[in-house]
Structure formats: structure tokens, C-alpha cells
Amino acid sequence: MSEPALTEAEQDAMTDAAAHWCMRLDAADCTPGERKAFERWLGAHPLHAVEYQAVLEIWDVSAHISPVNPAPSVDSQPALDPVDEPPKARPR
């Protein structure tokens, strides 16, 4: 018997959780308790492992991609010209 299909919201939640675990497990401050929680999450549903592996592959690939159009740093922004004040009305 196969698993029932997930709703879009359930799939999104699973993807979000997989991305969360991918980031937390890579973090230097990931605790042993978090690692145990991840193991519980991973074993809670057969699709968790599939989704986690998919996110992990994206994570690994993205580490090797440089941004095509990186945002300019603050120092490289051109200075803005001061706004000209409107001419003052002459007294009549």
C-alpha cells in the first residue's frame, strides 16, 4: 500500500523542515539535542529522508556557484548628487 499524496501545504512544510535541518546540521553551534531531534524527524515519515536528500543536494551544489550579479557593496555605490533646491520666489 502506498502513502497518500501530500497536500501542497504539507509538501511545503516538509521542504521547509528539510531546509531548516540542512542549515542547522551545517551550523557550528548545532547541539547534540538538535541532532537527535533531526534523527526523530528523519524517521517520522519515509518522505523526510527523500526531501532532506533533495535539499542537501541543492545545498551542496549551491556552495559551488558564484552569484551572477552580486549586490554591490555600500562602498561601490555611486555618490548621489545633492537635490537642487527649487528657485525661491522673487518678491513682487
C-alpha atoms as a PDB file:
ATOM      1  CA  MET A   1       0.000   0.000   0.000  1.00  0.00           C
ATOM      2  CA  SER A   2       1.416   3.404  -0.944  1.00  0.00           C
ATOM      3  CA  GLU A   3       1.482   6.557   1.136  1.00  0.00           C
ATOM      4  CA  PRO A   4      -1.355   9.022   0.472  1.00  0.00           C
ATOM      5  CA  ALA A   5      -0.362  12.028  -1.607  1.00  0.00           C
ATOM      6  CA  LEU A   6       0.688  15.099   0.336  1.00  0.00           C
ATOM      7  CA  THR A   7      -1.137  18.361   0.016  1.00  0.00           C
ATOM      8  CA  GLU A   8       0.816  21.332  -1.300  1.00  0.00           C
ATOM      9  CA  ALA A   9       0.936  22.788   2.219  1.00  0.00           C
ATOM     10  CA  GLU A  10       2.284  19.510   3.636  1.00  0.00           C
ATOM     11  CA  GLN A  11       4.922  19.303   0.897  1.00  0.00           C
ATOM     12  CA  ASP A  12       5.935  22.914   1.521  1.00  0.00           C
ATOM     13  CA  ALA A  13       6.192  22.273   5.257  1.00  0.00           C
ATOM     14  CA  MET A  14       8.348  19.198   4.645  1.00  0.00           C
ATOM     15  CA  THR A  15      10.631  21.137   2.293  1.00  0.00           C
ATOM     16  CA  ASP A  16      10.921  23.952   4.843  1.00  0.00           C
ATOM     17  CA  ALA A  17      11.773  21.465   7.594  1.00  0.00           C
ATOM     18  CA  ALA A  18      14.369  19.742   5.405  1.00  0.00           C
ATOM     19  CA  ALA A  19      15.971  23.102   4.596  1.00  0.00           C
ATOM     20  CA  HIS A  20      15.953  24.007   8.290  1.00  0.00           C
ATOM     21  CA  TRP A  21      17.720  20.761   9.201  1.00  0.00           C
ATOM     22  CA  CYS A  22      20.220  21.198   6.395  1.00  0.00           C
ATOM     23  CA  MET A  23      21.180  24.632   7.764  1.00  0.00           C
ATOM     24  CA  ARG A  24      21.180  23.590  11.430  1.00  0.00           C
ATOM     25  CA  LEU A  25      23.289  20.469  10.893  1.00  0.00           C
ATOM     26  CA  ASP A  26      25.823  22.575   8.989  1.00  0.00           C
ATOM     27  CA  ALA A  27      25.945  25.223  11.741  1.00  0.00           C
ATOM     28  CA  ALA A  28      28.883  25.248  14.132  1.00  0.00           C
ATOM     29  CA  ASP A  29      26.515  25.689  17.085  1.00  0.00           C
ATOM     30  CA  CYS A  30      24.283  22.686  16.272  1.00  0.00           C
ATOM     31  CA  THR A  31      23.723  20.829  19.539  1.00  0.00           C
ATOM     32  CA  PRO A  32      23.559  17.077  20.199  1.00  0.00           C
ATOM     33  CA  GLY A  33      19.906  17.598  21.131  1.00  0.00           C
ATOM     34  CA  GLU A  34      19.220  19.143  17.743  1.00  0.00           C
ATOM     35  CA  ARG A  35      20.939  16.219  16.049  1.00  0.00           C
ATOM     36  CA  LYS A  36      18.670  13.816  17.968  1.00  0.00           C
ATOM     37  CA  ALA A  37      15.620  15.883  17.001  1.00  0.00           C
ATOM     38  CA  PHE A  38      16.751  15.672  13.372  1.00  0.00           C
ATOM     39  CA  GLU A  39      17.027  11.883  13.628  1.00  0.00           C
ATOM     40  CA  ARG A  40      13.484  11.737  15.055  1.00  0.00           C
ATOM     41  CA  TRP A  41      12.194  13.982  12.243  1.00  0.00           C
ATOM     42  CA  LEU A  42      14.018  11.916   9.641  1.00  0.00           C
ATOM     43  CA  GLY A  43      12.434   8.697  10.901  1.00  0.00           C
ATOM     44  CA  ALA A  44       8.949  10.134  11.351  1.00  0.00           C
ATOM     45  CA  HIS A  45       7.971   9.809   7.680  1.00  0.00           C
ATOM     46  CA  PRO A  46       9.551   7.942   4.755  1.00  0.00           C
ATOM     47  CA  LEU A  47       9.476  11.061   2.576  1.00  0.00           C
ATOM     48  CA  HIS A  48      11.502  13.091   5.080  1.00  0.00           C
ATOM     49  CA  ALA A  49      14.687  11.298   4.044  1.00  0.00           C
ATOM     50  CA  VAL A  50      13.877  11.805   0.362  1.00  0.00           C
ATOM     51  CA  GLU A  51      13.189  15.527   0.843  1.00  0.00           C
ATOM     52  CA  TYR A  52      16.225  16.021   3.060  1.00  0.00           C
ATOM     53  CA  GLN A  53      18.454  14.381   0.442  1.00  0.00           C
ATOM     54  CA  ALA A  54      16.999  16.632  -2.285  1.00  0.00           C
ATOM     55  CA  VAL A  55      17.618  19.771  -0.220  1.00  0.00           C
ATOM     56  CA  LEU A  56      21.100  18.555   0.710  1.00  0.00           C
ATOM     57  CA  GLU A  57      21.972  18.110  -2.968  1.00  0.00           C
ATOM     58  CA  ILE A  58      20.837  21.669  -3.703  1.00  0.00           C
ATOM     59  CA  TRP A  59      22.815  22.911  -0.671  1.00  0.00           C
ATOM     60  CA  ASP A  60      25.952  21.127  -1.892  1.00  0.00           C
ATOM     61  CA  VAL A  61      25.617  22.388  -5.470  1.00  0.00           C
ATOM     62  CA  SER A  62      24.888  25.948  -4.385  1.00  0.00           C
ATOM     63  CA  ALA A  63      28.145  26.059  -2.433  1.00  0.00           C
ATOM     64  CA  HIS A  64      29.994  25.868  -5.766  1.00  0.00           C
ATOM     65  CA  ILE A  65      28.020  28.552  -7.584  1.00  0.00           C
ATOM     66  CA  SER A  66      29.140  32.146  -7.520  1.00  0.00           C
ATOM     67  CA  PRO A  67      26.490  34.827  -7.801  1.00  0.00           C
ATOM     68  CA  VAL A  68      25.921  36.012 -11.356  1.00  0.00           C
ATOM     69  CA  ASN A  69      25.044  39.518 -10.330  1.00  0.00           C
ATOM     70  CA  PRO A  70      26.228  40.092  -6.785  1.00  0.00           C
ATOM     71  CA  ALA A  71      24.796  43.051  -4.943  1.00  0.00           C
ATOM     72  CA  PRO A  72      27.222  45.964  -4.915  1.00  0.00           C
ATOM     73  CA  SER A  73      28.806  46.811  -1.618  1.00  0.00           C
ATOM     74  CA  VAL A  74      27.981  50.083   0.049  1.00  0.00           C
ATOM     75  CA  ASP A  75      31.431  51.437  -0.827  1.00  0.00           C
ATOM     76  CA  SER A  76      30.932  50.827  -4.543  1.00  0.00           C
ATOM     77  CA  GLN A  77      27.648  52.740  -4.703  1.00  0.00           C
ATOM     78  CA  PRO A  78      27.986  55.995  -6.653  1.00  0.00           C
ATOM     79  CA  ALA A  79      27.525  59.103  -4.564  1.00  0.00           C
ATOM     80  CA  LEU A  80      24.178  60.718  -5.101  1.00  0.00           C
ATOM     81  CA  ASP A  81      24.105  64.300  -6.316  1.00  0.00           C
ATOM     82  CA  PRO A  82      22.509  66.650  -3.817  1.00  0.00           C
ATOM     83  CA  VAL A  83      18.997  67.600  -4.736  1.00  0.00           C
ATOM     84  CA  ASP A  84      18.799  71.099  -6.136  1.00  0.00           C
ATOM     85  CA  GLU A  85      16.585  73.371  -4.139  1.00  0.00           C
ATOM     86  CA  PRO A  86      13.708  74.874  -6.067  1.00  0.00           C
ATOM     87  CA  PRO A  87      14.204  78.521  -7.003  1.00  0.00           C
ATOM     88  CA  LYS A  88      12.914  80.935  -4.398  1.00  0.00           C
ATOM     89  CA  ALA A  89      10.080  83.187  -5.442  1.00  0.00           C
ATOM     90  CA  ARG A  90      11.066  86.811  -6.014  1.00  0.00           C
ATOM     91  CA  PRO A  91       9.218  89.430  -4.058  1.00  0.00           C
ATOM     92  CA  ARG A  92       6.875  91.483  -6.260  1.00  0.00           C
END
